[in-house]
Each structure stands twice: as C-alpha cells, then as structure tokens.
Protein backbone atom coordinates (compact mmCIF):
# COMPACT_ATOMS: atom_id res chain seq x y z
CA UNK A 1 116.92 121.08 71.42
CA UNK A 2 114.79 117.85 72.62
CA UNK A 3 118.01 116.27 72.58
CA UNK A 4 119.79 118.58 74.90
CA UNK A 5 116.63 117.88 76.94
CA UNK A 6 117.81 113.80 76.58
CA UNK A 7 120.50 114.17 76.99
CA UNK A 8 120.61 117.15 80.37
CA UNK A 9 118.03 114.29 82.06
CA UNK A 10 120.17 111.20 80.94
CA UNK A 11 122.58 113.33 82.62
CA UNK A 12 124.91 111.87 79.89
CA UNK A 13 128.28 113.50 80.27
CA UNK A 14 128.52 114.17 83.68
CA UNK A 15 130.67 112.05 85.66
CA UNK A 16 127.83 111.69 89.11
CA UNK A 17 130.25 110.25 92.53
CA UNK A 18 127.53 107.32 92.13
CA UNK A 19 129.01 106.78 88.85
CA UNK A 20 132.65 106.69 89.44
CA UNK A 21 132.39 104.57 92.24
CA UNK A 22 130.94 101.74 90.38
CA UNK A 23 132.54 102.26 87.94
CA UNK A 24 135.67 102.12 90.13
CA UNK A 25 134.56 98.97 91.84
CA UNK A 26 135.04 95.09 90.79
CA UNK A 27 133.99 91.78 91.75
CA UNK A 28 136.05 89.75 94.05
CA UNK A 29 137.21 87.06 90.11
CA UNK A 30 138.09 91.05 88.60
CA UNK A 31 140.49 91.09 91.57
CA UNK A 32 142.23 87.82 92.31
CA UNK A 33 143.66 87.80 88.37
CA UNK A 34 144.41 91.50 88.61
CA UNK A 35 146.74 90.64 91.90
CA UNK A 36 148.05 87.60 90.54
CA UNK A 37 148.24 88.01 87.02
CA UNK A 38 146.03 85.13 85.73
CA UNK A 39 142.74 85.82 83.77
CA UNK A 40 139.91 83.43 85.01
CA UNK A 41 138.49 83.39 81.65
CA UNK A 42 134.92 84.18 81.16
CA UNK A 43 132.65 84.80 84.80
CA UNK A 44 130.16 86.47 85.41
CA UNK A 45 130.61 89.56 86.09
CA UNK A 46 129.76 93.53 84.60
CA UNK A 47 133.89 94.53 83.74
CA UNK A 48 132.95 90.82 80.88
CA UNK A 49 133.01 91.54 77.00
CA UNK A 50 129.82 91.80 75.12
CA UNK A 51 129.57 89.65 71.91
CA UNK A 52 127.41 91.56 70.00
CA UNK A 53 126.03 90.54 67.12
CA UNK A 54 126.18 85.99 68.85
CA UNK A 55 123.01 84.21 67.17
CA UNK A 56 122.42 81.05 68.58
CA UNK A 57 121.67 78.05 66.63
CA UNK A 58 118.54 77.27 67.94
CA UNK A 59 117.47 80.63 67.83
CA UNK A 60 115.93 83.39 69.29
CA UNK A 61 115.73 82.27 73.24
CA UNK A 62 113.15 84.32 75.36
CA UNK A 63 111.06 83.94 78.58
CA UNK A 64 109.01 80.98 79.37
CA UNK A 65 105.00 81.41 79.01
CA UNK A 66 103.10 83.42 81.39
CA UNK A 67 101.01 80.72 81.61
CA UNK A 68 103.35 77.45 82.55
CA UNK A 69 104.77 76.55 85.58
CA UNK A 70 105.91 73.50 87.04
CA UNK A 71 102.98 72.12 85.66
CA UNK A 72 102.37 72.96 82.11
CA UNK A 73 100.70 75.47 80.55
C-alpha cells in the first residue's frame, strides 16, 4: 500500500508532457555533435555519462563551511 502511494505520488510509470519535452531537448553541443557526426567529448550536459563509484585521491569533496567568506572564518 505504501509503495503504491509513493509510486503514484512520484508519477512513476506515467509519461508527463513536460518529461517528454525534457527528454527530447538537447544542448547545442549535443545537437552539433549529432548533426556533424563528430563527438565533442565531455561537456556540462545532462546527457553526459555518469561515473559511478568515483573516489578522489584527495578525499571527499564538500561544500565550504557557512561561516567562511571572503575574509575567512
């Protein structure tokens, strides 16, 4: 019962008009690569592949502390 309620609230399995439009939209770089047939490589785009399990040798990346500003803490 709870699972069905969750899926219904999240509209899982139903294709909304906005979701269809978003899936059809492409950035300028993707459109250029598709028309020319040449892959431009990585660029900031929602259609880029996601790297799962990446670990930085410098450790986890986090946001700066709230109290740090231009003058420091």
